[in-house]
Amino acid sequence: MSMLVIVTGVVCAFFQYSFILLSRYEYSLPMIARNAALLMLGYFPRTLGMLLVLACFGGVYAIVGVQAIPLVLLSGVALPQYLCALLYEPILKKLG
């Protein structure tokens, strides 16, 4: 079970950085994958912060259940991704 959580976290972090790079730069897919892996490992504390934000929101949505539907409709994906953007914005400023 713990291995599944670790693999899920790595895949989630990898795709977070992949989508950021894909939307910002015009690289080939292998280059995006390479750079996403390097950013994921190079900025590990920020990566953990992003995973923590996503896990907290996912946990709240899972615990509250059906009652969370209005909350999901109001904040949904936008609020957790905005908080993640606050974490990776300094990284993108360094990259130029």
N, C-alpha and C. Protein backbone atom coordinates (compact mmCIF):
# COMPACT_ATOMS: atom_id res chain seq x y z
N MET A 1 0.82 -1.19 0.00
CA MET A 1 0.00 0.00 0.00
C MET A 1 0.87 1.26 0.00
N SER A 2 1.91 1.28 0.82
CA SER A 2 2.76 2.46 0.87
C SER A 2 3.52 2.65 -0.45
N MET A 3 3.86 1.57 -1.11
CA MET A 3 4.52 1.67 -2.41
C MET A 3 3.59 2.30 -3.44
N LEU A 4 2.32 1.98 -3.38
CA LEU A 4 1.34 2.57 -4.29
C LEU A 4 1.22 4.07 -4.05
N VAL A 5 1.24 4.47 -2.80
CA VAL A 5 1.16 5.91 -2.47
C VAL A 5 2.39 6.63 -3.00
N ILE A 6 3.56 6.04 -2.84
CA ILE A 6 4.80 6.66 -3.32
C ILE A 6 4.80 6.79 -4.84
N VAL A 7 4.43 5.72 -5.52
CA VAL A 7 4.39 5.75 -6.99
C VAL A 7 3.36 6.76 -7.48
N THR A 8 2.21 6.81 -6.84
CA THR A 8 1.19 7.78 -7.21
C THR A 8 1.69 9.21 -7.01
N GLY A 9 2.39 9.45 -5.93
CA GLY A 9 2.96 10.78 -5.67
C GLY A 9 3.99 11.17 -6.71
N VAL A 10 4.85 10.24 -7.09
CA VAL A 10 5.87 10.52 -8.10
C VAL A 10 5.22 10.82 -9.44
N VAL A 11 4.24 10.02 -9.82
CA VAL A 11 3.55 10.24 -11.10
C VAL A 11 2.81 11.57 -11.09
N CYS A 12 2.15 11.89 -10.00
CA CYS A 12 1.42 13.15 -9.89
C CYS A 12 2.38 14.34 -9.99
N ALA A 13 3.50 14.27 -9.28
CA ALA A 13 4.48 15.36 -9.33
C ALA A 13 5.08 15.48 -10.73
N PHE A 14 5.36 14.35 -11.35
CA PHE A 14 5.91 14.36 -12.71
C PHE A 14 4.96 15.06 -13.68
N PHE A 15 3.68 14.73 -13.59
CA PHE A 15 2.73 15.35 -14.50
C PHE A 15 2.46 16.81 -14.16
N GLN A 16 2.54 17.18 -12.89
CA GLN A 16 2.42 18.60 -12.54
C GLN A 16 3.47 19.41 -13.28
N TYR A 17 4.73 18.98 -13.19
CA TYR A 17 5.80 19.70 -13.86
C TYR A 17 5.72 19.56 -15.37
N SER A 18 5.27 18.41 -15.86
CA SER A 18 5.14 18.22 -17.31
C SER A 18 4.15 19.20 -17.90
N PHE A 19 3.00 19.37 -17.27
CA PHE A 19 2.00 20.28 -17.79
C PHE A 19 2.47 21.73 -17.73
N ILE A 20 3.22 22.06 -16.70
CA ILE A 20 3.77 23.41 -16.59
C ILE A 20 4.72 23.68 -17.76
N LEU A 21 5.62 22.74 -18.00
CA LEU A 21 6.59 22.91 -19.08
C LEU A 21 5.92 22.88 -20.45
N LEU A 22 4.93 22.02 -20.60
CA LEU A 22 4.23 21.91 -21.87
C LEU A 22 3.49 23.20 -22.22
N SER A 23 2.93 23.86 -21.21
CA SER A 23 2.18 25.08 -21.48
C SER A 23 3.09 26.29 -21.68
N ARG A 24 4.30 26.22 -21.18
CA ARG A 24 5.17 27.39 -21.20
C ARG A 24 6.23 27.36 -22.31
N TYR A 25 6.74 26.19 -22.63
CA TYR A 25 7.84 26.07 -23.58
C TYR A 25 7.45 25.16 -24.74
N GLU A 26 8.18 25.29 -25.84
CA GLU A 26 7.96 24.43 -26.99
C GLU A 26 9.11 23.43 -27.09
N TYR A 27 9.05 22.41 -26.28
CA TYR A 27 10.04 21.34 -26.28
C TYR A 27 9.43 20.10 -26.90
N SER A 28 10.29 19.15 -27.24
CA SER A 28 9.80 17.84 -27.66
C SER A 28 9.36 17.08 -26.40
N LEU A 29 8.55 16.06 -26.59
CA LEU A 29 8.05 15.32 -25.43
C LEU A 29 9.16 14.66 -24.61
N PRO A 30 10.19 14.06 -25.24
CA PRO A 30 11.27 13.51 -24.40
C PRO A 30 11.99 14.59 -23.59
N MET A 31 12.14 15.78 -24.16
CA MET A 31 12.79 16.88 -23.43
C MET A 31 11.91 17.36 -22.28
N ILE A 32 10.60 17.40 -22.49
CA ILE A 32 9.68 17.78 -21.41
C ILE A 32 9.75 16.75 -20.29
N ALA A 33 9.77 15.46 -20.64
CA ALA A 33 9.85 14.42 -19.62
C ALA A 33 11.15 14.51 -18.84
N ARG A 34 12.24 14.75 -19.53
CA ARG A 34 13.55 14.87 -18.86
C ARG A 34 13.57 16.07 -17.92
N ASN A 35 13.12 17.22 -18.43
CA ASN A 35 13.13 18.43 -17.61
C ASN A 35 12.16 18.34 -16.44
N ALA A 36 11.02 17.69 -16.64
CA ALA A 36 10.06 17.53 -15.54
C ALA A 36 10.67 16.66 -14.44
N ALA A 37 11.37 15.60 -14.83
CA ALA A 37 12.01 14.75 -13.83
C ALA A 37 13.11 15.51 -13.09
N LEU A 38 13.88 16.31 -13.81
CA LEU A 38 14.94 17.09 -13.17
C LEU A 38 14.37 18.14 -12.22
N LEU A 39 13.30 18.81 -12.63
CA LEU A 39 12.67 19.80 -11.75
C LEU A 39 12.06 19.14 -10.53
N MET A 40 11.45 17.98 -10.74
CA MET A 40 10.81 17.27 -9.64
C MET A 40 11.84 16.90 -8.57
N LEU A 41 13.01 16.48 -8.99
CA LEU A 41 14.05 16.10 -8.03
C LEU A 41 14.84 17.30 -7.54
N GLY A 42 15.07 18.27 -8.41
CA GLY A 42 15.88 19.43 -8.05
C GLY A 42 15.20 20.36 -7.07
N TYR A 43 13.90 20.44 -7.13
CA TYR A 43 13.12 21.29 -6.23
C TYR A 43 12.22 20.41 -5.37
N PHE A 44 12.84 19.46 -4.72
CA PHE A 44 12.09 18.45 -3.96
C PHE A 44 11.21 19.04 -2.86
N PRO A 45 11.66 20.03 -2.08
CA PRO A 45 10.76 20.59 -1.05
C PRO A 45 9.50 21.23 -1.66
N ARG A 46 9.64 21.93 -2.76
CA ARG A 46 8.47 22.51 -3.41
C ARG A 46 7.57 21.43 -4.00
N THR A 47 8.19 20.36 -4.50
CA THR A 47 7.42 19.24 -5.02
C THR A 47 6.59 18.61 -3.90
N LEU A 48 7.20 18.42 -2.74
CA LEU A 48 6.45 17.88 -1.60
C LEU A 48 5.33 18.83 -1.19
N GLY A 49 5.58 20.12 -1.26
CA GLY A 49 4.53 21.10 -0.94
C GLY A 49 3.35 21.00 -1.89
N MET A 50 3.65 20.84 -3.19
CA MET A 50 2.56 20.69 -4.16
C MET A 50 1.78 19.41 -3.91
N LEU A 51 2.49 18.33 -3.62
CA LEU A 51 1.80 17.07 -3.35
C LEU A 51 0.96 17.16 -2.08
N LEU A 52 1.46 17.89 -1.09
CA LEU A 52 0.71 18.06 0.15
C LEU A 52 -0.57 18.86 -0.09
N VAL A 53 -0.48 19.91 -0.89
CA VAL A 53 -1.67 20.72 -1.21
C VAL A 53 -2.70 19.84 -1.91
N LEU A 54 -2.27 19.10 -2.93
CA LEU A 54 -3.20 18.25 -3.68
C LEU A 54 -3.79 17.15 -2.81
N ALA A 55 -2.97 16.56 -1.95
CA ALA A 55 -3.45 15.49 -1.07
C ALA A 55 -4.45 16.03 -0.05
N CYS A 56 -4.20 17.22 0.48
CA CYS A 56 -5.13 17.80 1.45
C CYS A 56 -6.49 18.06 0.83
N PHE A 57 -6.49 18.65 -0.35
CA PHE A 57 -7.77 18.91 -1.02
C PHE A 57 -8.46 17.61 -1.39
N GLY A 58 -7.70 16.64 -1.88
CA GLY A 58 -8.30 15.34 -2.20
C GLY A 58 -8.85 14.65 -0.98
N GLY A 59 -8.15 14.76 0.14
CA GLY A 59 -8.63 14.17 1.39
C GLY A 59 -9.90 14.82 1.88
N VAL A 60 -9.94 16.15 1.80
CA VAL A 60 -11.16 16.86 2.22
C VAL A 60 -12.34 16.46 1.35
N TYR A 61 -12.11 16.39 0.04
CA TYR A 61 -13.20 16.01 -0.85
C TYR A 61 -13.65 14.57 -0.58
N ALA A 62 -12.70 13.70 -0.27
CA ALA A 62 -13.05 12.29 -0.01
C ALA A 62 -13.77 12.13 1.32
N ILE A 63 -13.36 12.87 2.34
CA ILE A 63 -13.99 12.75 3.66
C ILE A 63 -15.40 13.33 3.66
N VAL A 64 -15.55 14.50 3.06
CA VAL A 64 -16.85 15.16 3.09
C VAL A 64 -17.83 14.46 2.16
N GLY A 65 -17.35 13.91 1.07
CA GLY A 65 -18.20 13.13 0.16
C GLY A 65 -19.17 13.98 -0.63
N VAL A 66 -20.42 13.56 -0.62
CA VAL A 66 -21.46 14.21 -1.44
C VAL A 66 -21.67 15.66 -1.01
N GLN A 67 -21.47 15.93 0.26
CA GLN A 67 -21.66 17.30 0.74
C GLN A 67 -20.61 18.23 0.17
N ALA A 68 -19.53 17.69 -0.39
CA ALA A 68 -18.46 18.53 -0.95
C ALA A 68 -18.76 18.98 -2.37
N ILE A 69 -19.86 18.53 -2.95
CA ILE A 69 -20.15 18.89 -4.34
C ILE A 69 -20.21 20.41 -4.53
N PRO A 70 -20.89 21.19 -3.67
CA PRO A 70 -20.84 22.65 -3.86
C PRO A 70 -19.42 23.21 -3.71
N LEU A 71 -18.65 22.66 -2.78
CA LEU A 71 -17.27 23.11 -2.59
C LEU A 71 -16.43 22.79 -3.82
N VAL A 72 -16.65 21.60 -4.38
CA VAL A 72 -15.91 21.21 -5.58
C VAL A 72 -16.31 22.09 -6.75
N LEU A 73 -17.58 22.43 -6.84
CA LEU A 73 -18.03 23.29 -7.93
C LEU A 73 -17.48 24.71 -7.78
N LEU A 74 -17.33 25.19 -6.55
CA LEU A 74 -16.82 26.54 -6.34
C LEU A 74 -15.31 26.63 -6.47
N SER A 75 -14.60 25.72 -5.83
CA SER A 75 -13.14 25.79 -5.87
C SER A 75 -12.54 24.71 -6.76
N GLY A 76 -13.14 23.53 -6.74
CA GLY A 76 -12.77 22.43 -7.61
C GLY A 76 -11.29 22.23 -7.80
N VAL A 77 -10.88 22.32 -9.02
CA VAL A 77 -9.48 22.11 -9.37
C VAL A 77 -8.72 23.43 -9.31
N ALA A 78 -9.41 24.53 -9.45
CA ALA A 78 -8.75 25.82 -9.57
C ALA A 78 -8.01 26.24 -8.30
N LEU A 79 -8.60 26.08 -7.15
CA LEU A 79 -7.95 26.52 -5.91
C LEU A 79 -6.69 25.72 -5.59
N PRO A 80 -6.72 24.38 -5.62
CA PRO A 80 -5.47 23.66 -5.37
C PRO A 80 -4.39 23.96 -6.41
N GLN A 81 -4.78 24.13 -7.67
CA GLN A 81 -3.78 24.42 -8.69
C GLN A 81 -3.24 25.85 -8.55
N TYR A 82 -4.06 26.75 -8.06
CA TYR A 82 -3.57 28.11 -7.79
C TYR A 82 -2.53 28.08 -6.67
N LEU A 83 -2.81 27.32 -5.63
CA LEU A 83 -1.85 27.20 -4.53
C LEU A 83 -0.56 26.54 -5.01
N CYS A 84 -0.67 25.56 -5.89
CA CYS A 84 0.52 24.94 -6.47
C CYS A 84 1.28 25.94 -7.34
N ALA A 85 0.55 26.79 -8.05
CA ALA A 85 1.20 27.79 -8.89
C ALA A 85 2.01 28.77 -8.05
N LEU A 86 1.53 29.07 -6.86
CA LEU A 86 2.31 29.92 -5.96
C LEU A 86 3.62 29.25 -5.57
N LEU A 87 3.63 27.93 -5.53
CA LEU A 87 4.85 27.21 -5.19
C LEU A 87 5.82 27.10 -6.35
N TYR A 88 5.32 26.91 -7.57
CA TYR A 88 6.26 26.74 -8.68
C TYR A 88 6.55 28.01 -9.46
N GLU A 89 5.91 29.11 -9.13
CA GLU A 89 6.19 30.37 -9.83
C GLU A 89 7.64 30.83 -9.65
N PRO A 90 8.23 30.74 -8.45
CA PRO A 90 9.65 31.13 -8.33
C PRO A 90 10.58 30.25 -9.16
N ILE A 91 10.21 29.00 -9.35
CA ILE A 91 11.03 28.11 -10.17
C ILE A 91 11.03 28.60 -11.62
N LEU A 92 9.87 28.97 -12.11
CA LEU A 92 9.77 29.44 -13.50
C LEU A 92 10.46 30.78 -13.69
N LYS A 93 10.47 31.61 -12.66
CA LYS A 93 11.18 32.88 -12.75
C LYS A 93 12.68 32.64 -12.87
N LYS A 94 13.19 31.63 -12.15
CA LYS A 94 14.61 31.29 -12.25
C LYS A 94 14.96 30.75 -13.64
N LEU A 95 14.04 29.98 -14.21
CA LEU A 95 14.31 29.39 -15.52
C LEU A 95 14.26 30.43 -16.63
N GLY A 96 13.52 31.49 -16.42
CA GLY A 96 13.48 32.57 -17.41
C GLY A 96 12.44 32.46 -18.41
